[in-house]
Amino acid sequence: PDVIKSNLKLQKAGYDVRISKKNLLPSFIISGNVGYN
């Protein structure tokens, strides 16, 4: 379990690196309303 855990932590760290790189890119938000006035 401890070796599997270390491997999972390594995989998570890899995801975190990719996330931090994607934070350099612009984001887009879809916003809208529907109802009655």
ModelCIF file with pLDDT and N, C-alpha, C, O atoms, coordinates in Angstrom:
data_MODEL
#
_entry.id   MODEL 
#
_entity.id                         1 
_entity.type                       polymer 
_entity.pdbx_number_of_molecules   1 
#
_entity_poly.entity_id                      1 
_entity_poly.type                           'polypeptide(L)' 
_entity_poly.nstd_linkage                   no 
_entity_poly.nstd_monomer                   no 
_entity_poly.pdbx_seq_one_letter_code       PDVIKSNLKLQKAGYDVRISKKNLLPSFIISGNVGYN 
_entity_poly.pdbx_seq_one_letter_code_can   PDVIKSNLKLQKAGYDVRISKKNLLPSFIISGNVGYN 
_entity_poly.pdbx_strand_id                 A 
#
loop_
_entity_poly_seq.entity_id 
_entity_poly_seq.num 
_entity_poly_seq.mon_id 
_entity_poly_seq.hetero 
1 1  PRO n 
1 2  ASP n 
1 3  VAL n 
1 4  ILE n 
1 5  LYS n 
1 6  SER n 
1 7  ASN n 
1 8  LEU n 
1 9  LYS n 
1 10 LEU n 
1 11 GLN n 
1 12 LYS n 
1 13 ALA n 
1 14 GLY n 
1 15 TYR n 
1 16 ASP n 
1 17 VAL n 
1 18 ARG n 
1 19 ILE n 
1 20 SER n 
1 21 LYS n 
1 22 LYS n 
1 23 ASN n 
1 24 LEU n 
1 25 LEU n 
1 26 PRO n 
1 27 SER n 
1 28 PHE n 
1 29 ILE n 
1 30 ILE n 
1 31 SER n 
1 32 GLY n 
1 33 ASN n 
1 34 VAL n 
1 35 GLY n 
1 36 TYR n 
1 37 ASN n 
#
_struct_asym.id          A 
_struct_asym.entity_id   1 
#
loop_
_ma_qa_metric.id 
_ma_qa_metric.mode 
_ma_qa_metric.name 
_ma_qa_metric.software_group_id 
_ma_qa_metric.type 
1 global pLDDT . pLDDT 
2 local  pLDDT . pLDDT 
#
_ma_qa_metric_global.metric_id      1 
_ma_qa_metric_global.metric_value   93.35 
_ma_qa_metric_global.model_id       1 
_ma_qa_metric_global.ordinal_id     1 
#
loop_
_ma_qa_metric_local.label_asym_id 
_ma_qa_metric_local.label_comp_id 
_ma_qa_metric_local.label_seq_id 
_ma_qa_metric_local.metric_id 
_ma_qa_metric_local.metric_value 
_ma_qa_metric_local.model_id 
_ma_qa_metric_local.ordinal_id 
A PRO 1  2 96.00 1 1  
A ASP 2  2 96.00 1 2  
A VAL 3  2 96.00 1 3  
A ILE 4  2 97.00 1 4  
A LYS 5  2 97.00 1 5  
A SER 6  2 97.00 1 6  
A ASN 7  2 97.00 1 7  
A LEU 8  2 97.00 1 8  
A LYS 9  2 97.00 1 9  
A LEU 10 2 97.00 1 10 
A GLN 11 2 97.00 1 11 
A LYS 12 2 96.00 1 12 
A ALA 13 2 97.00 1 13 
A GLY 14 2 96.00 1 14 
A TYR 15 2 96.00 1 15 
A ASP 16 2 96.00 1 16 
A VAL 17 2 96.00 1 17 
A ARG 18 2 95.00 1 18 
A ILE 19 2 94.00 1 19 
A SER 20 2 94.00 1 20 
A LYS 21 2 94.00 1 21 
A LYS 22 2 93.00 1 22 
A ASN 23 2 91.00 1 23 
A LEU 24 2 91.00 1 24 
A LEU 25 2 91.00 1 25 
A PRO 26 2 92.00 1 26 
A SER 27 2 90.00 1 27 
A PHE 28 2 90.00 1 28 
A ILE 29 2 91.00 1 29 
A ILE 30 2 90.00 1 30 
A SER 31 2 90.00 1 31 
A GLY 32 2 89.00 1 32 
A ASN 33 2 88.00 1 33 
A VAL 34 2 88.00 1 34 
A GLY 35 2 88.00 1 35 
A TYR 36 2 87.00 1 36 
A ASN 37 2 87.00 1 37 
#
loop_
_atom_site.group_PDB 
_atom_site.id 
_atom_site.type_symbol 
_atom_site.label_atom_id 
_atom_site.label_alt_id 
_atom_site.label_comp_id 
_atom_site.label_asym_id 
_atom_site.label_entity_id 
_atom_site.label_seq_id 
_atom_site.pdbx_PDB_ins_code 
_atom_site.Cartn_x 
_atom_site.Cartn_y 
_atom_site.Cartn_z 
_atom_site.occupancy 
_atom_site.B_iso_or_equiv 
_atom_site.pdbx_formal_charge 
_atom_site.auth_seq_id 
_atom_site.auth_comp_id 
_atom_site.auth_asym_id 
_atom_site.auth_atom_id 
_atom_site.pdbx_PDB_model_num 
ATOM 1   N N  . PRO A 1 1  ? 0.802   -1.227 0.000   1.00 96.00 ? 1  PRO A N  1 
ATOM 2   C CA . PRO A 1 1  ? 0.000   0.000  0.000   1.00 96.00 ? 1  PRO A CA 1 
ATOM 3   C C  . PRO A 1 1  ? 0.836   1.278  0.000   1.00 96.00 ? 1  PRO A C  1 
ATOM 4   O O  . PRO A 1 1  ? 0.456   2.259  -0.639  1.00 96.00 ? 1  PRO A O  1 
ATOM 5   N N  . ASP A 1 2  ? 1.974   1.282  0.710   1.00 96.00 ? 2  ASP A N  1 
ATOM 6   C CA . ASP A 1 2  ? 2.768   2.507  0.753   1.00 96.00 ? 2  ASP A CA 1 
ATOM 7   C C  . ASP A 1 2  ? 3.403   2.810  -0.592  1.00 96.00 ? 2  ASP A C  1 
ATOM 8   O O  . ASP A 1 2  ? 3.538   3.978  -0.958  1.00 96.00 ? 2  ASP A O  1 
ATOM 9   N N  . VAL A 1 3  ? 3.800   1.775  -1.344  1.00 96.00 ? 3  VAL A N  1 
ATOM 10  C CA . VAL A 1 3  ? 4.372   1.999  -2.671  1.00 96.00 ? 3  VAL A CA 1 
ATOM 11  C C  . VAL A 1 3  ? 3.278   2.458  -3.634  1.00 96.00 ? 3  VAL A C  1 
ATOM 12  O O  . VAL A 1 3  ? 3.493   3.373  -4.430  1.00 96.00 ? 3  VAL A O  1 
ATOM 13  N N  . ILE A 1 4  ? 2.110   1.827  -3.564  1.00 97.00 ? 4  ILE A N  1 
ATOM 14  C CA . ILE A 1 4  ? 0.988   2.264  -4.404  1.00 97.00 ? 4  ILE A CA 1 
ATOM 15  C C  . ILE A 1 4  ? 0.626   3.712  -4.077  1.00 97.00 ? 4  ILE A C  1 
ATOM 16  O O  . ILE A 1 4  ? 0.340   4.509  -4.970  1.00 97.00 ? 4  ILE A O  1 
ATOM 17  N N  . LYS A 1 5  ? 0.643   4.038  -2.795  1.00 97.00 ? 5  LYS A N  1 
ATOM 18  C CA . LYS A 1 5  ? 0.341   5.409  -2.368  1.00 97.00 ? 5  LYS A CA 1 
ATOM 19  C C  . LYS A 1 5  ? 1.351   6.392  -2.947  1.00 97.00 ? 5  LYS A C  1 
ATOM 20  O O  . LYS A 1 5  ? 0.966   7.466  -3.409  1.00 97.00 ? 5  LYS A O  1 
ATOM 21  N N  . SER A 1 6  ? 2.626   6.049  -2.932  1.00 97.00 ? 6  SER A N  1 
ATOM 22  C CA . SER A 1 6  ? 3.652   6.932  -3.492  1.00 97.00 ? 6  SER A CA 1 
ATOM 23  C C  . SER A 1 6  ? 3.441   7.137  -4.985  1.00 97.00 ? 6  SER A C  1 
ATOM 24  O O  . SER A 1 6  ? 3.632   8.238  -5.502  1.00 97.00 ? 6  SER A O  1 
ATOM 25  N N  . ASN A 1 7  ? 3.046   6.070  -5.675  1.00 97.00 ? 7  ASN A N  1 
ATOM 26  C CA . ASN A 1 7  ? 2.772   6.179  -7.107  1.00 97.00 ? 7  ASN A CA 1 
ATOM 27  C C  . ASN A 1 7  ? 1.574   7.085  -7.373  1.00 97.00 ? 7  ASN A C  1 
ATOM 28  O O  . ASN A 1 7  ? 1.576   7.864  -8.326  1.00 97.00 ? 7  ASN A O  1 
ATOM 29  N N  . LEU A 1 8  ? 0.550   6.977  -6.524  1.00 97.00 ? 8  LEU A N  1 
ATOM 30  C CA . LEU A 1 8  ? -0.627  7.840  -6.671  1.00 97.00 ? 8  LEU A CA 1 
ATOM 31  C C  . LEU A 1 8  ? -0.278  9.298  -6.402  1.00 97.00 ? 8  LEU A C  1 
ATOM 32  O O  . LEU A 1 8  ? -0.785  10.192 -7.080  1.00 97.00 ? 8  LEU A O  1 
ATOM 33  N N  . LYS A 1 9  ? 0.579   9.544  -5.423  1.00 97.00 ? 9  LYS A N  1 
ATOM 34  C CA . LYS A 1 9  ? 1.008   10.913 -5.141  1.00 97.00 ? 9  LYS A CA 1 
ATOM 35  C C  . LYS A 1 9  ? 1.800   11.484 -6.313  1.00 97.00 ? 9  LYS A C  1 
ATOM 36  O O  . LYS A 1 9  ? 1.709   12.672 -6.621  1.00 97.00 ? 9  LYS A O  1 
ATOM 37  N N  . LEU A 1 10 ? 2.574   10.623 -6.958  1.00 97.00 ? 10 LEU A N  1 
ATOM 38  C CA . LEU A 1 10 ? 3.327   11.054 -8.138  1.00 97.00 ? 10 LEU A CA 1 
ATOM 39  C C  . LEU A 1 10 ? 2.368   11.408 -9.273  1.00 97.00 ? 10 LEU A C  1 
ATOM 40  O O  . LEU A 1 10 ? 2.566   12.410 -9.961  1.00 97.00 ? 10 LEU A O  1 
ATOM 41  N N  . GLN A 1 11 ? 1.339   10.600 -9.472  1.00 97.00 ? 11 GLN A N  1 
ATOM 42  C CA . GLN A 1 11 ? 0.354   10.890 -10.508 1.00 97.00 ? 11 GLN A CA 1 
ATOM 43  C C  . GLN A 1 11 ? -0.388  12.193 -10.212 1.00 97.00 ? 11 GLN A C  1 
ATOM 44  O O  . GLN A 1 11 ? -0.635  12.997 -11.112 1.00 97.00 ? 11 GLN A O  1 
ATOM 45  N N  . LYS A 1 12 ? -0.743  12.393 -8.934  1.00 96.00 ? 12 LYS A N  1 
ATOM 46  C CA . LYS A 1 12 ? -1.434  13.632 -8.554  1.00 96.00 ? 12 LYS A CA 1 
ATOM 47  C C  . LYS A 1 12 ? -0.551  14.846 -8.811  1.00 96.00 ? 12 LYS A C  1 
ATOM 48  O O  . LYS A 1 12 ? -1.020  15.872 -9.303  1.00 96.00 ? 12 LYS A O  1 
ATOM 49  N N  . ALA A 1 13 ? 0.731   14.721 -8.474  1.00 97.00 ? 13 ALA A N  1 
ATOM 50  C CA . ALA A 1 13 ? 1.654   15.830 -8.715  1.00 97.00 ? 13 ALA A CA 1 
ATOM 51  C C  . ALA A 1 13 ? 1.736   16.145 -10.204 1.00 97.00 ? 13 ALA A C  1 
ATOM 52  O O  . ALA A 1 13 ? 1.852   17.309 -10.588 1.00 97.00 ? 13 ALA A O  1 
ATOM 53  N N  . GLY A 1 14 ? 1.676   15.112 -11.046 1.00 96.00 ? 14 GLY A N  1 
ATOM 54  C CA . GLY A 1 14 ? 1.676   15.332 -12.490 1.00 96.00 ? 14 GLY A CA 1 
ATOM 55  C C  . GLY A 1 14 ? 0.445   16.097 -12.944 1.00 96.00 ? 14 GLY A C  1 
ATOM 56  O O  . GLY A 1 14 ? 0.547   17.000 -13.775 1.00 96.00 ? 14 GLY A O  1 
ATOM 57  N N  . TYR A 1 15 ? -0.720  15.743 -12.407 1.00 96.00 ? 15 TYR A N  1 
ATOM 58  C CA . TYR A 1 15 ? -1.942  16.479 -12.722 1.00 96.00 ? 15 TYR A CA 1 
ATOM 59  C C  . TYR A 1 15 ? -1.825  17.942 -12.289 1.00 96.00 ? 15 TYR A C  1 
ATOM 60  O O  . TYR A 1 15 ? -2.231  18.849 -13.016 1.00 96.00 ? 15 TYR A O  1 
ATOM 61  N N  . ASP A 1 16 ? -1.263  18.159 -11.091 1.00 96.00 ? 16 ASP A N  1 
ATOM 62  C CA . ASP A 1 16 ? -1.148  19.521 -10.570 1.00 96.00 ? 16 ASP A CA 1 
ATOM 63  C C  . ASP A 1 16 ? -0.243  20.379 -11.439 1.00 96.00 ? 16 ASP A C  1 
ATOM 64  O O  . ASP A 1 16 ? -0.495  21.573 -11.601 1.00 96.00 ? 16 ASP A O  1 
ATOM 65  N N  . VAL A 1 17 ? 0.811   19.789 -12.002 1.00 96.00 ? 17 VAL A N  1 
ATOM 66  C CA . VAL A 1 17 ? 1.681   20.535 -12.920 1.00 96.00 ? 17 VAL A CA 1 
ATOM 67  C C  . VAL A 1 17 ? 0.897   20.960 -14.159 1.00 96.00 ? 17 VAL A C  1 
ATOM 68  O O  . VAL A 1 17 ? 0.994   22.103 -14.603 1.00 96.00 ? 17 VAL A O  1 
ATOM 69  N N  . ARG A 1 18 ? 0.120   20.027 -14.710 1.00 95.00 ? 18 ARG A N  1 
ATOM 70  C CA . ARG A 1 18 ? -0.672  20.343 -15.909 1.00 95.00 ? 18 ARG A CA 1 
ATOM 71  C C  . ARG A 1 18 ? -1.737  21.400 -15.609 1.00 95.00 ? 18 ARG A C  1 
ATOM 72  O O  . ARG A 1 18 ? -2.011  22.262 -16.444 1.00 95.00 ? 18 ARG A O  1 
ATOM 73  N N  . ILE A 1 19 ? -2.331  21.333 -14.425 1.00 94.00 ? 19 ILE A N  1 
ATOM 74  C CA . ILE A 1 19 ? -3.343  22.328 -14.045 1.00 94.00 ? 19 ILE A CA 1 
ATOM 75  C C  . ILE A 1 19 ? -2.720  23.716 -13.954 1.00 94.00 ? 19 ILE A C  1 
ATOM 76  O O  . ILE A 1 19 ? -3.289  24.696 -14.435 1.00 94.00 ? 19 ILE A O  1 
ATOM 77  N N  . SER A 1 20 ? -1.541  23.791 -13.328 1.00 94.00 ? 20 SER A N  1 
ATOM 78  C CA . SER A 1 20 ? -0.883  25.094 -13.179 1.00 94.00 ? 20 SER A CA 1 
ATOM 79  C C  . SER A 1 20 ? -0.520  25.698 -14.532 1.00 94.00 ? 20 SER A C  1 
ATOM 80  O O  . SER A 1 20 ? -0.550  26.919 -14.689 1.00 94.00 ? 20 SER A O  1 
ATOM 81  N N  . LYS A 1 21 ? -0.180  24.868 -15.503 1.00 94.00 ? 21 LYS A N  1 
ATOM 82  C CA . LYS A 1 21 ? 0.120   25.383 -16.852 1.00 94.00 ? 21 LYS A CA 1 
ATOM 83  C C  . LYS A 1 21 ? -1.135  25.893 -17.533 1.00 94.00 ? 21 LYS A C  1 
ATOM 84  O O  . LYS A 1 21 ? -1.100  26.920 -18.211 1.00 94.00 ? 21 LYS A O  1 
ATOM 85  N N  . LYS A 1 22 ? -2.249  25.186 -17.360 1.00 93.00 ? 22 LYS A N  1 
ATOM 86  C CA . LYS A 1 22 ? -3.501  25.589 -18.002 1.00 93.00 ? 22 LYS A CA 1 
ATOM 87  C C  . LYS A 1 22 ? -4.068  26.867 -17.382 1.00 93.00 ? 22 LYS A C  1 
ATOM 88  O O  . LYS A 1 22 ? -4.913  27.526 -17.987 1.00 93.00 ? 22 LYS A O  1 
ATOM 89  N N  . ASN A 1 23 ? -3.609  27.220 -16.179 1.00 91.00 ? 23 ASN A N  1 
ATOM 90  C CA . ASN A 1 23 ? -4.052  28.470 -15.569 1.00 91.00 ? 23 ASN A CA 1 
ATOM 91  C C  . ASN A 1 23 ? -3.553  29.688 -16.328 1.00 91.00 ? 23 ASN A C  1 
ATOM 92  O O  . ASN A 1 23 ? -4.053  30.793 -16.113 1.00 91.00 ? 23 ASN A O  1 
ATOM 93  N N  . LEU A 1 24 ? -2.565  29.509 -17.225 1.00 91.00 ? 24 LEU A N  1 
ATOM 94  C CA . LEU A 1 24 ? -2.069  30.615 -18.049 1.00 91.00 ? 24 LEU A CA 1 
ATOM 95  C C  . LEU A 1 24 ? -3.035  30.946 -19.184 1.00 91.00 ? 24 LEU A C  1 
ATOM 96  O O  . LEU A 1 24 ? -2.953  32.023 -19.774 1.00 91.00 ? 24 LEU A O  1 
ATOM 97  N N  . LEU A 1 25 ? -3.943  30.031 -19.488 1.00 91.00 ? 25 LEU A N  1 
ATOM 98  C CA . LEU A 1 25 ? -4.858  30.213 -20.607 1.00 91.00 ? 25 LEU A CA 1 
ATOM 99  C C  . LEU A 1 25 ? -6.111  30.970 -20.163 1.00 91.00 ? 25 LEU A C  1 
ATOM 100 O O  . LEU A 1 25 ? -6.468  30.942 -18.985 1.00 91.00 ? 25 LEU A O  1 
ATOM 101 N N  . PRO A 1 26 ? -6.770  31.637 -21.089 1.00 92.00 ? 26 PRO A N  1 
ATOM 102 C CA . PRO A 1 26 ? -7.986  32.383 -20.724 1.00 92.00 ? 26 PRO A CA 1 
ATOM 103 C C  . PRO A 1 26 ? -9.128  31.434 -20.383 1.00 92.00 ? 26 PRO A C  1 
ATOM 104 O O  . PRO A 1 26 ? -9.160  30.287 -20.828 1.00 92.00 ? 26 PRO A O  1 
ATOM 105 N N  . SER A 1 27 ? -10.056 31.934 -19.589 1.00 90.00 ? 27 SER A N  1 
ATOM 106 C CA . SER A 1 27 ? -11.245 31.170 -19.232 1.00 90.00 ? 27 SER A CA 1 
ATOM 107 C C  . SER A 1 27 ? -12.476 31.845 -19.822 1.00 90.00 ? 27 SER A C  1 
ATOM 108 O O  . SER A 1 27 ? -12.480 33.046 -20.094 1.00 90.00 ? 27 SER A O  1 
ATOM 109 N N  . PHE A 1 28 ? -13.525 31.038 -20.014 1.00 90.00 ? 28 PHE A N  1 
ATOM 110 C CA . PHE A 1 28 ? -14.757 31.544 -20.611 1.00 90.00 ? 28 PHE A CA 1 
ATOM 111 C C  . PHE A 1 28 ? -15.937 31.101 -19.754 1.00 90.00 ? 28 PHE A C  1 
ATOM 112 O O  . PHE A 1 28 ? -16.061 29.927 -19.406 1.00 90.00 ? 28 PHE A O  1 
ATOM 113 N N  . ILE A 1 29 ? -16.792 32.046 -19.425 1.00 91.00 ? 29 ILE A N  1 
ATOM 114 C CA . ILE A 1 29 ? -17.956 31.775 -18.585 1.00 91.00 ? 29 ILE A CA 1 
ATOM 115 C C  . ILE A 1 29 ? -19.225 32.036 -19.383 1.00 91.00 ? 29 ILE A C  1 
ATOM 116 O O  . ILE A 1 29 ? -19.426 33.123 -19.923 1.00 91.00 ? 29 ILE A O  1 
ATOM 117 N N  . ILE A 1 30 ? -20.072 31.024 -19.447 1.00 90.00 ? 30 ILE A N  1 
ATOM 118 C CA . ILE A 1 30 ? -21.395 31.192 -20.065 1.00 90.00 ? 30 ILE A CA 1 
ATOM 119 C C  . ILE A 1 30 ? -22.353 31.640 -18.973 1.00 90.00 ? 30 ILE A C  1 
ATOM 120 O O  . ILE A 1 30 ? -22.491 30.977 -17.944 1.00 90.00 ? 30 ILE A O  1 
ATOM 121 N N  . SER A 1 31 ? -23.012 32.765 -19.201 1.00 90.00 ? 31 SER A N  1 
ATOM 122 C CA . SER A 1 31 ? -23.926 33.314 -18.199 1.00 90.00 ? 31 SER A CA 1 
ATOM 123 C C  . SER A 1 31 ? -25.242 33.682 -18.872 1.00 90.00 ? 31 SER A C  1 
ATOM 124 O O  . SER A 1 31 ? -25.254 34.180 -19.998 1.00 90.00 ? 31 SER A O  1 
ATOM 125 N N  . GLY A 1 32 ? -26.334 33.437 -18.187 1.00 89.00 ? 32 GLY A N  1 
ATOM 126 C CA . GLY A 1 32 ? -27.630 33.768 -18.779 1.00 89.00 ? 32 GLY A CA 1 
ATOM 127 C C  . GLY A 1 32 ? -28.742 33.758 -17.764 1.00 89.00 ? 32 GLY A C  1 
ATOM 128 O O  . GLY A 1 32 ? -28.580 33.274 -16.644 1.00 89.00 ? 32 GLY A O  1 
ATOM 129 N N  . ASN A 1 33 ? -29.892 34.307 -18.172 1.00 88.00 ? 33 ASN A N  1 
ATOM 130 C CA . ASN A 1 33 ? -31.082 34.347 -17.327 1.00 88.00 ? 33 ASN A CA 1 
ATOM 131 C C  . ASN A 1 33 ? -32.285 33.954 -18.164 1.00 88.00 ? 33 ASN A C  1 
ATOM 132 O O  . ASN A 1 33 ? -32.328 34.222 -19.364 1.00 88.00 ? 33 ASN A O  1 
ATOM 133 N N  . VAL A 1 34 ? -33.239 33.334 -17.547 1.00 88.00 ? 34 VAL A N  1 
ATOM 134 C CA . VAL A 1 34 ? -34.506 33.040 -18.194 1.00 88.00 ? 34 VAL A CA 1 
ATOM 135 C C  . VAL A 1 34 ? -35.602 33.095 -17.127 1.00 88.00 ? 34 VAL A C  1 
ATOM 136 O O  . VAL A 1 34 ? -35.433 32.558 -16.033 1.00 88.00 ? 34 VAL A O  1 
ATOM 137 N N  . GLY A 1 35 ? -36.712 33.738 -17.445 1.00 88.00 ? 35 GLY A N  1 
ATOM 138 C CA . GLY A 1 35 ? -37.778 33.837 -16.459 1.00 88.00 ? 35 GLY A CA 1 
ATOM 139 C C  . GLY A 1 35 ? -38.831 34.849 -16.876 1.00 88.00 ? 35 GLY A C  1 
ATOM 140 O O  . GLY A 1 35 ? -39.146 34.986 -18.058 1.00 88.00 ? 35 GLY A O  1 
ATOM 141 N N  . TYR A 1 36 ? -39.371 35.555 -15.894 1.00 87.00 ? 36 TYR A N  1 
ATOM 142 C CA . TYR A 1 36 ? -40.466 36.485 -16.150 1.00 87.00 ? 36 TYR A CA 1 
ATOM 143 C C  . TYR A 1 36 ? -40.200 37.802 -15.433 1.00 87.00 ? 36 TYR A C  1 
ATOM 144 O O  . TYR A 1 36 ? -39.626 37.839 -14.345 1.00 87.00 ? 36 TYR A O  1 
ATOM 145 N N  . ASN A 1 37 ? -40.643 38.899 -16.089 1.00 87.00 ? 37 ASN A N  1 
ATOM 146 C CA . ASN A 1 37 ? -40.463 40.243 -15.542 1.00 87.00 ? 37 ASN A CA 1 
ATOM 147 C C  . ASN A 1 37 ? -41.749 41.028 -15.805 1.00 87.00 ? 37 ASN A C  1 
ATOM 148 O O  . ASN A 1 37 ? -41.845 42.198 -15.434 1.00 87.00 ? 37 ASN A O  1 
#
